[in-house]
N, C-alpha and C. Protein backbone atom coordinates (compact mmCIF):
# COMPACT_ATOMS: atom_id res chain seq x y z
N UNK A 1 -17.08 262.74 94.96
CA UNK A 1 -16.18 261.61 95.35
C UNK A 1 -16.46 260.25 94.72
N UNK A 2 -17.69 259.94 94.76
CA UNK A 2 -18.08 258.62 93.95
C UNK A 2 -17.82 258.66 92.56
N UNK A 3 -18.03 259.75 91.92
CA UNK A 3 -17.82 259.74 90.40
C UNK A 3 -16.39 259.63 90.14
N UNK A 4 -15.48 260.24 90.94
CA UNK A 4 -14.01 260.09 90.72
C UNK A 4 -13.59 258.77 90.90
N UNK A 5 -14.11 258.04 91.96
CA UNK A 5 -13.84 256.65 92.23
C UNK A 5 -14.16 255.74 91.20
N UNK A 6 -15.41 255.94 90.68
CA UNK A 6 -15.87 255.03 89.62
C UNK A 6 -15.13 255.25 88.31
N UNK A 7 -14.74 256.46 88.04
CA UNK A 7 -14.07 256.73 86.86
C UNK A 7 -12.50 256.14 86.88
N UNK A 8 -11.93 256.27 88.14
CA UNK A 8 -10.63 255.59 88.07
C UNK A 8 -10.77 254.12 87.98
N UNK A 9 -11.93 253.53 88.61
CA UNK A 9 -12.01 252.06 88.46
C UNK A 9 -12.17 251.70 86.89
N UNK A 10 -13.01 252.49 86.28
CA UNK A 10 -13.20 252.27 84.89
C UNK A 10 -11.89 252.36 84.01
N UNK A 11 -11.13 253.42 84.46
CA UNK A 11 -9.93 253.49 83.63
C UNK A 11 -8.86 252.42 83.87
N UNK A 12 -8.95 251.97 85.05
CA UNK A 12 -7.90 250.79 85.45
C UNK A 12 -8.42 249.47 84.63
N UNK A 13 -9.82 249.21 84.64
CA UNK A 13 -10.46 248.14 83.89
C UNK A 13 -10.09 248.26 82.35
N UNK A 14 -10.09 249.52 81.87
CA UNK A 14 -9.58 249.60 80.40
C UNK A 14 -8.23 249.37 80.18
N UNK A 15 -7.31 249.73 81.17
CA UNK A 15 -5.92 249.61 81.10
C UNK A 15 -5.60 248.08 81.13
N UNK A 16 -6.33 247.33 82.13
CA UNK A 16 -6.14 245.85 82.13
C UNK A 16 -6.63 245.09 80.94
N UNK A 17 -7.62 245.65 80.37
CA UNK A 17 -8.14 244.91 79.22
C UNK A 17 -7.13 245.12 77.94
N UNK A 18 -6.63 246.49 77.91
CA UNK A 18 -5.65 246.71 76.83
C UNK A 18 -4.38 245.76 77.01
N UNK A 19 -3.95 245.65 78.18
CA UNK A 19 -2.85 244.68 78.45
C UNK A 19 -3.10 243.40 78.21
N UNK A 20 -4.25 242.95 78.51
CA UNK A 20 -4.64 241.48 78.26
C UNK A 20 -4.58 241.32 76.72
N UNK A 21 -5.24 242.24 75.90
CA UNK A 21 -5.22 242.17 74.47
C UNK A 21 -3.81 242.17 73.94
N UNK A 22 -2.99 243.08 74.49
CA UNK A 22 -1.51 242.94 74.09
C UNK A 22 -0.84 241.61 74.30
N UNK A 23 -1.05 241.13 75.48
CA UNK A 23 -0.40 239.75 75.65
C UNK A 23 -1.01 238.74 74.89
N UNK A 24 -2.39 238.86 74.62
CA UNK A 24 -3.03 237.82 73.72
C UNK A 24 -2.31 237.93 72.23
N UNK A 25 -2.06 239.06 71.80
CA UNK A 25 -1.73 239.40 70.42
C UNK A 25 -0.26 238.96 70.36
N UNK A 26 0.55 239.01 71.36
CA UNK A 26 1.98 238.59 71.41
C UNK A 26 1.93 236.97 71.34
N UNK A 27 0.94 236.34 72.17
CA UNK A 27 0.96 234.92 72.03
C UNK A 27 0.46 234.30 70.73
N UNK A 28 -0.39 235.07 70.03
CA UNK A 28 -0.82 234.59 68.73
C UNK A 28 0.31 234.88 67.69
N UNK A 29 1.12 235.97 67.91
CA UNK A 29 2.24 236.00 67.01
C UNK A 29 3.27 234.78 67.13
N UNK A 30 3.53 234.50 68.46
CA UNK A 30 4.44 233.44 68.76
C UNK A 30 3.90 232.14 68.10
N UNK A 31 2.62 231.80 68.20
CA UNK A 31 1.98 230.63 67.64
C UNK A 31 2.31 230.69 66.19
N UNK A 32 1.87 231.78 65.42
CA UNK A 32 2.13 231.96 64.03
C UNK A 32 3.65 231.69 63.70
N UNK A 33 4.46 232.33 64.38
CA UNK A 33 5.90 232.09 64.04
C UNK A 33 6.29 230.59 64.25
N UNK A 34 5.76 229.93 65.15
CA UNK A 34 6.11 228.57 65.42
C UNK A 34 5.52 227.67 64.29
N UNK A 35 4.43 227.95 63.78
CA UNK A 35 3.73 227.25 62.82
C UNK A 35 4.55 227.39 61.42
N UNK A 36 4.95 228.68 61.27
CA UNK A 36 5.85 228.97 60.03
C UNK A 36 7.17 228.20 60.16
N UNK A 37 7.71 228.18 61.29
CA UNK A 37 8.93 227.49 61.49
C UNK A 37 8.78 225.98 61.19
N UNK A 38 7.77 225.50 61.65
CA UNK A 38 7.49 223.95 61.52
C UNK A 38 7.09 223.77 60.07
N UNK A 39 6.36 224.64 59.43
CA UNK A 39 6.05 224.39 57.99
C UNK A 39 7.35 224.31 57.15
N UNK A 40 8.32 225.27 57.48
CA UNK A 40 9.59 225.29 56.74
C UNK A 40 10.39 224.07 56.89
N UNK A 41 10.23 223.46 58.11
CA UNK A 41 11.05 222.30 58.48
C UNK A 41 10.48 221.18 57.68
N UNK A 42 9.12 221.00 57.63
CA UNK A 42 8.50 219.92 56.90
C UNK A 42 8.77 219.95 55.40
N UNK A 43 8.75 221.31 54.92
CA UNK A 43 9.06 221.34 53.46
C UNK A 43 10.43 220.97 53.15
N UNK A 44 11.36 221.44 54.06
CA UNK A 44 12.78 221.15 53.92
C UNK A 44 12.96 219.58 53.89
N UNK A 45 12.28 219.01 54.83
CA UNK A 45 12.35 217.49 54.88
C UNK A 45 11.84 216.72 53.70
N UNK A 46 10.71 217.27 53.16
CA UNK A 46 10.21 216.73 51.91
C UNK A 46 10.97 216.81 50.65
N UNK A 47 11.77 218.01 50.75
CA UNK A 47 12.66 218.20 49.42
C UNK A 47 14.04 217.64 49.80
N UNK A 48 14.27 217.05 50.82
CA UNK A 48 15.56 216.35 51.13
C UNK A 48 16.58 217.38 51.61
N UNK A 49 16.33 218.52 51.85
CA UNK A 49 17.45 219.57 52.31
C UNK A 49 17.23 219.83 53.79
N UNK A 50 16.36 219.11 54.54
CA UNK A 50 16.14 219.49 55.93
C UNK A 50 17.09 218.70 56.91
N UNK A 51 16.64 218.52 58.14
CA UNK A 51 17.33 217.91 59.11
C UNK A 51 17.71 216.47 58.82
N UNK A 52 16.79 215.89 58.18
CA UNK A 52 17.02 214.44 57.65
C UNK A 52 16.82 214.29 56.10
N UNK A 53 17.76 213.69 55.38
CA UNK A 53 17.64 213.55 53.97
C UNK A 53 16.74 212.52 53.66
N UNK A 54 15.78 212.84 52.71
CA UNK A 54 14.74 211.79 52.05
C UNK A 54 15.38 211.10 50.98
N UNK A 55 15.90 209.87 51.22
CA UNK A 55 16.46 208.97 50.26
C UNK A 55 15.51 207.91 49.67
N UNK A 56 14.19 207.89 50.18
CA UNK A 56 13.33 206.76 49.69
C UNK A 56 12.36 207.40 48.57
N UNK A 57 12.33 208.76 48.47
CA UNK A 57 11.41 209.25 47.46
C UNK A 57 12.09 209.51 46.18
């Protein structure tokens, strides 16, 4: 009975760890997508095709 109980606890711990890694991976992807979007916005602004037109350069 003790072996079964500890095995179940270990399996639950592994599942929790896998879920935490999945959530962390999703968060990293969101950050990378945000950085990519911001980079494109900065590039567009520098070239004058973005949200604001650069007329001083």
